[in-house]
Amino acid sequence: MVAIGFALIALGLTGAFLWWRRQLLTSTRYLRIAQFSWPIGFIAILAGWLTTESGRQPYIVYGLLRTDHALSPVSAATIATSLTAFVLIYTVVFSIGIYYIHKLIAKGPAGATLEPAPLPEGLPNRPLSVADESMRSGRESQT
């Protein structure tokens, strides 16, 4: 989990450096790595959760109750069945999600996302001039 975190930080800093040098959109190697690195954050979360939960036994009190005395009365077959069901369902859902997100990334942005935003009326160096204009028109309509 920590290694993945450092790798994502390095990827972000590399992207910021390439953006600063105005080479972000032309660096095919960086863009290829970034394209396939999108699920790594989720994998880091799962790895951290698994590490945390593997060492935790909250129902066991140190020195008072042994682990073998705290077992539940559920049969091994029931546990295996529910674990298998969870693994299958999550595998299907995760696989469909990965397929869908990968298709979206490969397709790229389209439609209104690519159109330039309309510039507001007024001077660009005076962003509040738009507010001044709307206040003037509001006062004129009241009189």
N, C-alpha and C. Protein backbone atom coordinates (compact mmCIF):
# COMPACT_ATOMS: atom_id res chain seq x y z
N MET A 1 0.83 -1.18 0.00
CA MET A 1 0.00 0.00 0.00
C MET A 1 0.88 1.25 0.00
N VAL A 2 1.89 1.26 0.83
CA VAL A 2 2.78 2.42 0.91
C VAL A 2 3.56 2.59 -0.39
N ALA A 3 4.02 1.49 -0.95
CA ALA A 3 4.76 1.56 -2.22
C ALA A 3 3.88 2.10 -3.34
N ILE A 4 2.62 1.66 -3.36
CA ILE A 4 1.70 2.17 -4.38
C ILE A 4 1.45 3.66 -4.17
N GLY A 5 1.35 4.07 -2.91
CA GLY A 5 1.17 5.49 -2.62
C GLY A 5 2.33 6.33 -3.13
N PHE A 6 3.55 5.85 -2.88
CA PHE A 6 4.72 6.58 -3.38
C PHE A 6 4.77 6.57 -4.91
N ALA A 7 4.37 5.46 -5.52
CA ALA A 7 4.35 5.40 -6.99
C ALA A 7 3.34 6.40 -7.55
N LEU A 8 2.18 6.53 -6.92
CA LEU A 8 1.18 7.50 -7.39
C LEU A 8 1.64 8.94 -7.17
N ILE A 9 2.34 9.18 -6.07
CA ILE A 9 2.90 10.52 -5.84
C ILE A 9 3.93 10.84 -6.92
N ALA A 10 4.80 9.87 -7.22
CA ALA A 10 5.81 10.07 -8.27
C ALA A 10 5.14 10.31 -9.62
N LEU A 11 4.08 9.57 -9.90
CA LEU A 11 3.36 9.76 -11.16
C LEU A 11 2.75 11.16 -11.22
N GLY A 12 2.17 11.63 -10.13
CA GLY A 12 1.60 12.97 -10.10
C GLY A 12 2.65 14.06 -10.25
N LEU A 13 3.78 13.90 -9.55
CA LEU A 13 4.85 14.90 -9.67
C LEU A 13 5.45 14.91 -11.06
N THR A 14 5.58 13.73 -11.67
CA THR A 14 6.08 13.67 -13.04
C THR A 14 5.11 14.37 -13.99
N GLY A 15 3.82 14.15 -13.78
CA GLY A 15 2.82 14.83 -14.61
C GLY A 15 2.87 16.33 -14.42
N ALA A 16 3.05 16.79 -13.19
CA ALA A 16 3.14 18.24 -12.94
C ALA A 16 4.39 18.82 -13.62
N PHE A 17 5.50 18.08 -13.55
CA PHE A 17 6.72 18.55 -14.21
C PHE A 17 6.53 18.62 -15.72
N LEU A 18 5.93 17.58 -16.30
CA LEU A 18 5.70 17.60 -17.75
C LEU A 18 4.72 18.70 -18.14
N TRP A 19 3.74 18.96 -17.31
CA TRP A 19 2.79 20.05 -17.58
C TRP A 19 3.52 21.40 -17.54
N TRP A 20 4.41 21.56 -16.56
CA TRP A 20 5.17 22.79 -16.43
C TRP A 20 6.06 23.01 -17.65
N ARG A 21 6.61 21.92 -18.19
CA ARG A 21 7.47 22.01 -19.38
C ARG A 21 6.67 22.01 -20.67
N ARG A 22 5.33 21.97 -20.57
CA ARG A 22 4.40 21.95 -21.71
C ARG A 22 4.63 20.72 -22.60
N GLN A 23 4.94 19.58 -21.96
CA GLN A 23 5.16 18.34 -22.69
C GLN A 23 4.19 17.24 -22.24
N LEU A 24 3.21 17.60 -21.43
CA LEU A 24 2.32 16.59 -20.86
C LEU A 24 1.54 15.84 -21.93
N LEU A 25 0.99 16.54 -22.89
CA LEU A 25 0.15 15.90 -23.90
C LEU A 25 0.94 15.26 -25.02
N THR A 26 2.26 15.47 -25.05
CA THR A 26 3.08 14.86 -26.09
C THR A 26 3.96 13.73 -25.58
N SER A 27 3.99 13.52 -24.30
CA SER A 27 4.81 12.45 -23.71
C SER A 27 4.02 11.14 -23.74
N THR A 28 4.24 10.35 -24.78
CA THR A 28 3.46 9.12 -24.95
C THR A 28 3.76 8.09 -23.86
N ARG A 29 5.02 8.03 -23.40
CA ARG A 29 5.36 7.06 -22.36
C ARG A 29 4.61 7.38 -21.06
N TYR A 30 4.60 8.65 -20.66
CA TYR A 30 3.89 9.04 -19.44
C TYR A 30 2.38 8.80 -19.58
N LEU A 31 1.83 9.17 -20.71
CA LEU A 31 0.39 8.99 -20.92
C LEU A 31 0.01 7.51 -20.93
N ARG A 32 0.86 6.66 -21.45
CA ARG A 32 0.59 5.22 -21.46
C ARG A 32 0.60 4.68 -20.02
N ILE A 33 1.57 5.10 -19.23
CA ILE A 33 1.64 4.66 -17.83
C ILE A 33 0.42 5.19 -17.06
N ALA A 34 0.07 6.44 -17.28
CA ALA A 34 -1.09 7.03 -16.59
C ALA A 34 -2.39 6.35 -17.01
N GLN A 35 -2.49 5.93 -18.26
CA GLN A 35 -3.70 5.28 -18.75
C GLN A 35 -3.96 3.97 -18.02
N PHE A 36 -2.91 3.23 -17.72
CA PHE A 36 -3.09 1.94 -17.08
C PHE A 36 -2.93 1.98 -15.57
N SER A 37 -2.71 3.15 -14.99
CA SER A 37 -2.51 3.23 -13.54
C SER A 37 -3.77 3.60 -12.77
N TRP A 38 -4.88 3.75 -13.43
CA TRP A 38 -6.08 4.21 -12.73
C TRP A 38 -6.59 3.24 -11.66
N PRO A 39 -6.46 1.91 -11.75
CA PRO A 39 -6.98 1.08 -10.67
C PRO A 39 -6.02 0.90 -9.50
N ILE A 40 -4.83 1.46 -9.59
CA ILE A 40 -3.82 1.22 -8.56
C ILE A 40 -4.25 1.79 -7.20
N GLY A 41 -4.92 2.92 -7.19
CA GLY A 41 -5.39 3.49 -5.92
C GLY A 41 -6.37 2.57 -5.22
N PHE A 42 -7.26 1.97 -5.98
CA PHE A 42 -8.22 1.02 -5.41
C PHE A 42 -7.51 -0.21 -4.87
N ILE A 43 -6.50 -0.68 -5.58
CA ILE A 43 -5.73 -1.84 -5.11
C ILE A 43 -4.99 -1.49 -3.82
N ALA A 44 -4.50 -0.27 -3.70
CA ALA A 44 -3.82 0.16 -2.48
C ALA A 44 -4.79 0.18 -1.29
N ILE A 45 -6.01 0.63 -1.53
CA ILE A 45 -7.01 0.64 -0.47
C ILE A 45 -7.32 -0.78 -0.02
N LEU A 46 -7.49 -1.69 -0.96
CA LEU A 46 -7.77 -3.09 -0.61
C LEU A 46 -6.59 -3.72 0.12
N ALA A 47 -5.38 -3.43 -0.32
CA ALA A 47 -4.19 -3.99 0.35
C ALA A 47 -4.08 -3.47 1.78
N GLY A 48 -4.35 -2.20 1.99
CA GLY A 48 -4.31 -1.65 3.35
C GLY A 48 -5.39 -2.24 4.24
N TRP A 49 -6.57 -2.41 3.68
CA TRP A 49 -7.66 -3.00 4.45
C TRP A 49 -7.33 -4.44 4.82
N LEU A 50 -6.81 -5.21 3.87
CA LEU A 50 -6.47 -6.60 4.12
C LEU A 50 -5.38 -6.71 5.18
N THR A 51 -4.38 -5.86 5.11
CA THR A 51 -3.30 -5.87 6.11
C THR A 51 -3.84 -5.52 7.49
N THR A 52 -4.70 -4.54 7.56
CA THR A 52 -5.26 -4.13 8.84
C THR A 52 -6.13 -5.22 9.45
N GLU A 53 -7.00 -5.79 8.64
CA GLU A 53 -7.94 -6.78 9.16
C GLU A 53 -7.29 -8.13 9.46
N SER A 54 -6.17 -8.44 8.81
CA SER A 54 -5.51 -9.72 9.06
C SER A 54 -4.94 -9.80 10.48
N GLY A 55 -4.49 -8.69 10.98
CA GLY A 55 -3.91 -8.69 12.31
C GLY A 55 -4.88 -8.34 13.42
N ARG A 56 -6.13 -8.15 13.09
CA ARG A 56 -7.10 -7.70 14.09
C ARG A 56 -8.00 -8.85 14.53
N GLN A 57 -8.13 -9.00 15.82
CA GLN A 57 -9.08 -9.95 16.39
C GLN A 57 -9.81 -9.21 17.52
N PRO A 58 -10.79 -8.38 17.19
CA PRO A 58 -11.39 -7.51 18.20
C PRO A 58 -12.18 -8.26 19.27
N TYR A 59 -12.60 -9.46 18.99
CA TYR A 59 -13.40 -10.19 19.97
C TYR A 59 -12.53 -10.97 20.94
N ILE A 60 -11.23 -10.96 20.77
CA ILE A 60 -10.31 -11.66 21.66
C ILE A 60 -9.69 -10.66 22.62
N VAL A 61 -9.77 -10.94 23.90
CA VAL A 61 -9.17 -10.08 24.91
C VAL A 61 -7.86 -10.74 25.33
N TYR A 62 -6.77 -10.01 25.18
CA TYR A 62 -5.45 -10.56 25.45
C TYR A 62 -5.35 -11.04 26.89
N GLY A 63 -4.96 -12.30 27.04
CA GLY A 63 -4.76 -12.87 28.37
C GLY A 63 -6.01 -13.44 29.00
N LEU A 64 -7.21 -13.16 28.46
CA LEU A 64 -8.45 -13.65 29.05
C LEU A 64 -9.14 -14.70 28.20
N LEU A 65 -9.05 -14.56 26.89
CA LEU A 65 -9.76 -15.47 26.00
C LEU A 65 -8.83 -15.87 24.86
N ARG A 66 -8.65 -17.16 24.69
CA ARG A 66 -7.80 -17.66 23.62
C ARG A 66 -8.57 -17.66 22.29
N THR A 67 -7.83 -17.60 21.19
CA THR A 67 -8.46 -17.56 19.87
C THR A 67 -9.29 -18.81 19.60
N ASP A 68 -8.80 -19.98 19.98
CA ASP A 68 -9.54 -21.21 19.71
C ASP A 68 -10.82 -21.32 20.53
N HIS A 69 -10.94 -20.57 21.63
CA HIS A 69 -12.18 -20.56 22.42
C HIS A 69 -13.20 -19.56 21.89
N ALA A 70 -12.79 -18.69 20.97
CA ALA A 70 -13.68 -17.66 20.46
C ALA A 70 -14.26 -18.00 19.09
N LEU A 71 -14.14 -19.24 18.68
CA LEU A 71 -14.68 -19.64 17.38
C LEU A 71 -16.20 -19.63 17.39
N SER A 72 -16.78 -19.30 16.24
CA SER A 72 -18.24 -19.29 16.14
C SER A 72 -18.74 -20.70 15.82
N PRO A 73 -20.01 -20.99 16.09
CA PRO A 73 -20.53 -22.33 15.86
C PRO A 73 -20.96 -22.57 14.40
N VAL A 74 -20.58 -21.73 13.48
CA VAL A 74 -20.95 -21.88 12.08
C VAL A 74 -20.04 -22.92 11.43
N SER A 75 -20.62 -23.77 10.60
CA SER A 75 -19.84 -24.84 9.98
C SER A 75 -18.91 -24.28 8.90
N ALA A 76 -17.88 -25.04 8.61
CA ALA A 76 -16.90 -24.64 7.59
C ALA A 76 -17.54 -24.59 6.21
N ALA A 77 -18.50 -25.46 5.94
CA ALA A 77 -19.17 -25.46 4.64
C ALA A 77 -19.97 -24.18 4.42
N THR A 78 -20.62 -23.71 5.45
CA THR A 78 -21.38 -22.45 5.35
C THR A 78 -20.46 -21.28 5.08
N ILE A 79 -19.36 -21.24 5.78
CA ILE A 79 -18.40 -20.15 5.59
C ILE A 79 -17.79 -20.23 4.19
N ALA A 80 -17.46 -21.42 3.74
CA ALA A 80 -16.88 -21.57 2.39
C ALA A 80 -17.88 -21.17 1.31
N THR A 81 -19.15 -21.51 1.51
CA THR A 81 -20.19 -21.14 0.54
C THR A 81 -20.36 -19.63 0.46
N SER A 82 -20.44 -18.97 1.61
CA SER A 82 -20.62 -17.52 1.60
C SER A 82 -19.39 -16.81 1.06
N LEU A 83 -18.21 -17.30 1.39
CA LEU A 83 -16.99 -16.70 0.85
C LEU A 83 -16.92 -16.86 -0.66
N THR A 84 -17.26 -18.03 -1.15
CA THR A 84 -17.28 -18.27 -2.60
C THR A 84 -18.28 -17.35 -3.30
N ALA A 85 -19.45 -17.19 -2.71
CA ALA A 85 -20.46 -16.31 -3.30
C ALA A 85 -19.96 -14.86 -3.35
N PHE A 86 -19.37 -14.40 -2.24
CA PHE A 86 -18.84 -13.04 -2.23
C PHE A 86 -17.74 -12.86 -3.27
N VAL A 87 -16.83 -13.81 -3.36
CA VAL A 87 -15.73 -13.70 -4.32
C VAL A 87 -16.27 -13.67 -5.75
N LEU A 88 -17.22 -14.53 -6.06
CA LEU A 88 -17.78 -14.57 -7.42
C LEU A 88 -18.51 -13.28 -7.76
N ILE A 89 -19.36 -12.81 -6.85
CA ILE A 89 -20.13 -11.60 -7.12
C ILE A 89 -19.21 -10.39 -7.27
N TYR A 90 -18.26 -10.24 -6.36
CA TYR A 90 -17.35 -9.10 -6.46
C TYR A 90 -16.45 -9.20 -7.69
N THR A 91 -16.06 -10.40 -8.08
CA THR A 91 -15.26 -10.56 -9.29
C THR A 91 -16.04 -10.12 -10.52
N VAL A 92 -17.30 -10.50 -10.61
CA VAL A 92 -18.12 -10.10 -11.74
C VAL A 92 -18.31 -8.58 -11.76
N VAL A 93 -18.68 -8.01 -10.62
CA VAL A 93 -18.92 -6.56 -10.56
C VAL A 93 -17.64 -5.79 -10.85
N PHE A 94 -16.53 -6.21 -10.26
CA PHE A 94 -15.26 -5.51 -10.46
C PHE A 94 -14.81 -5.64 -11.92
N SER A 95 -14.99 -6.81 -12.51
CA SER A 95 -14.58 -7.01 -13.91
C SER A 95 -15.40 -6.13 -14.86
N ILE A 96 -16.69 -6.06 -14.63
CA ILE A 96 -17.53 -5.20 -15.47
C ILE A 96 -17.14 -3.74 -15.29
N GLY A 97 -16.87 -3.34 -14.05
CA GLY A 97 -16.44 -1.96 -13.79
C GLY A 97 -15.13 -1.63 -14.47
N ILE A 98 -14.17 -2.53 -14.40
CA ILE A 98 -12.87 -2.31 -15.06
C ILE A 98 -13.06 -2.22 -16.57
N TYR A 99 -13.85 -3.11 -17.13
CA TYR A 99 -14.10 -3.09 -18.57
C TYR A 99 -14.74 -1.77 -18.99
N TYR A 100 -15.74 -1.32 -18.24
CA TYR A 100 -16.45 -0.08 -18.58
C TYR A 100 -15.55 1.14 -18.46
N ILE A 101 -14.79 1.23 -17.38
CA ILE A 101 -13.92 2.39 -17.20
C ILE A 101 -12.81 2.40 -18.25
N HIS A 102 -12.27 1.22 -18.56
CA HIS A 102 -11.23 1.16 -19.59
C HIS A 102 -11.78 1.60 -20.95
N LYS A 103 -13.01 1.23 -21.26
CA LYS A 103 -13.63 1.67 -22.51
C LYS A 103 -13.81 3.19 -22.52
N LEU A 104 -14.21 3.77 -21.39
CA LEU A 104 -14.37 5.22 -21.31
C LEU A 104 -13.04 5.93 -21.50
N ILE A 105 -11.99 5.40 -20.88
CA ILE A 105 -10.67 6.02 -21.01
C ILE A 105 -10.17 5.91 -22.45
N ALA A 106 -10.35 4.75 -23.06
CA ALA A 106 -9.89 4.56 -24.43
C ALA A 106 -10.65 5.45 -25.41
N LYS A 107 -11.94 5.67 -25.16
CA LYS A 107 -12.76 6.51 -26.04
C LYS A 107 -12.35 7.97 -25.93
N GLY A 108 -12.05 8.42 -24.73
CA GLY A 108 -11.64 9.81 -24.52
C GLY A 108 -12.84 10.73 -24.39
N PRO A 109 -12.58 12.00 -24.13
CA PRO A 109 -13.67 12.95 -23.98
C PRO A 109 -14.37 13.23 -25.31
N ALA A 110 -15.64 13.57 -25.23
CA ALA A 110 -16.40 13.87 -26.44
C ALA A 110 -17.49 14.88 -26.12
N GLY A 111 -18.06 15.46 -27.16
CA GLY A 111 -19.21 16.34 -27.01
C GLY A 111 -18.87 17.66 -26.36
N ALA A 112 -19.70 18.05 -25.41
CA ALA A 112 -19.57 19.37 -24.77
C ALA A 112 -18.27 19.50 -23.99
N THR A 113 -17.64 18.42 -23.64
CA THR A 113 -16.39 18.49 -22.89
C THR A 113 -15.29 19.13 -23.71
N LEU A 114 -15.32 18.95 -25.02
CA LEU A 114 -14.28 19.49 -25.88
C LEU A 114 -14.55 20.91 -26.36
N GLU A 115 -15.76 21.40 -26.21
CA GLU A 115 -16.08 22.74 -26.66
C GLU A 115 -15.52 23.77 -25.67
N PRO A 116 -14.98 24.86 -26.19
CA PRO A 116 -14.46 25.88 -25.27
C PRO A 116 -15.61 26.54 -24.52
N ALA A 117 -15.34 26.89 -23.28
CA ALA A 117 -16.35 27.55 -22.46
C ALA A 117 -16.57 28.97 -22.97
N PRO A 118 -17.81 29.43 -22.97
CA PRO A 118 -18.06 30.80 -23.43
C PRO A 118 -17.48 31.80 -22.43
N LEU A 119 -16.90 32.85 -22.98
CA LEU A 119 -16.34 33.88 -22.11
C LEU A 119 -17.45 34.77 -21.58
N PRO A 120 -17.35 35.15 -20.32
CA PRO A 120 -18.38 36.03 -19.78
C PRO A 120 -18.23 37.44 -20.37
N GLU A 121 -19.32 38.16 -20.34
CA GLU A 121 -19.26 39.54 -20.80
C GLU A 121 -18.49 40.35 -19.77
N GLY A 122 -17.78 41.31 -20.23
CA GLY A 122 -16.96 42.12 -19.33
C GLY A 122 -15.50 41.90 -19.64
N LEU A 123 -14.67 42.57 -18.92
CA LEU A 123 -13.24 42.48 -19.16
C LEU A 123 -12.65 41.30 -18.41
N PRO A 124 -11.76 40.52 -19.02
CA PRO A 124 -11.17 39.37 -18.35
C PRO A 124 -10.35 39.76 -17.12
N ASN A 125 -9.75 40.95 -17.12
CA ASN A 125 -8.96 41.36 -15.97
C ASN A 125 -9.83 41.93 -14.86
N ARG A 126 -11.14 42.02 -15.08
CA ARG A 126 -12.08 42.47 -14.05
C ARG A 126 -13.18 41.43 -13.93
N PRO A 127 -12.96 40.33 -13.19
CA PRO A 127 -13.94 39.26 -13.13
C PRO A 127 -15.26 39.67 -12.50
N LEU A 128 -15.25 40.69 -11.66
CA LEU A 128 -16.49 41.12 -11.02
C LEU A 128 -17.30 42.07 -11.90
N SER A 129 -16.80 42.40 -13.09
CA SER A 129 -17.57 43.28 -13.98
C SER A 129 -18.87 42.62 -14.42
N VAL A 130 -18.90 41.28 -14.47
CA VAL A 130 -20.13 40.57 -14.81
C VAL A 130 -21.17 40.80 -13.71
N ALA A 131 -20.74 40.77 -12.46
CA ALA A 131 -21.66 41.02 -11.35
C ALA A 131 -22.15 42.46 -11.37
N ASP A 132 -21.27 43.39 -11.70
CA ASP A 132 -21.69 44.79 -11.80
C ASP A 132 -22.78 44.96 -12.84
N GLU A 133 -22.61 44.29 -13.99
CA GLU A 133 -23.57 44.40 -15.08
C GLU A 133 -24.93 43.85 -14.66
N SER A 134 -24.95 42.69 -13.98
CA SER A 134 -26.23 42.12 -13.57
C SER A 134 -26.89 42.97 -12.51
N MET A 135 -26.12 43.65 -11.66
CA MET A 135 -26.73 44.54 -10.66
C MET A 135 -27.31 45.76 -11.32
N ARG A 136 -26.61 46.28 -12.34
CA ARG A 136 -27.15 47.45 -13.05
C ARG A 136 -28.46 47.12 -13.75
N SER A 137 -28.50 45.93 -14.40
CA SER A 137 -29.73 45.57 -15.10
C SER A 137 -30.86 45.32 -14.11
N GLY A 138 -30.54 44.83 -12.93
CA GLY A 138 -31.58 44.61 -11.90
C GLY A 138 -32.13 45.92 -11.39
N ARG A 139 -31.27 46.92 -11.22
CA ARG A 139 -31.74 48.24 -10.76
C ARG A 139 -32.59 48.92 -11.82
N GLU A 140 -32.19 48.78 -13.10
CA GLU A 140 -32.95 49.41 -14.17
C GLU A 140 -34.35 48.81 -14.29
N SER A 141 -34.48 47.50 -14.06
CA SER A 141 -35.79 46.87 -14.19
C SER A 141 -36.71 47.26 -13.02
N GLN A 142 -36.13 47.68 -11.88
CA GLN A 142 -36.95 48.07 -10.73
C GLN A 142 -37.50 49.49 -10.88
N THR A 143 -36.81 50.32 -11.65
CA THR A 143 -37.29 51.72 -11.79
C THR A 143 -38.24 51.91 -12.92
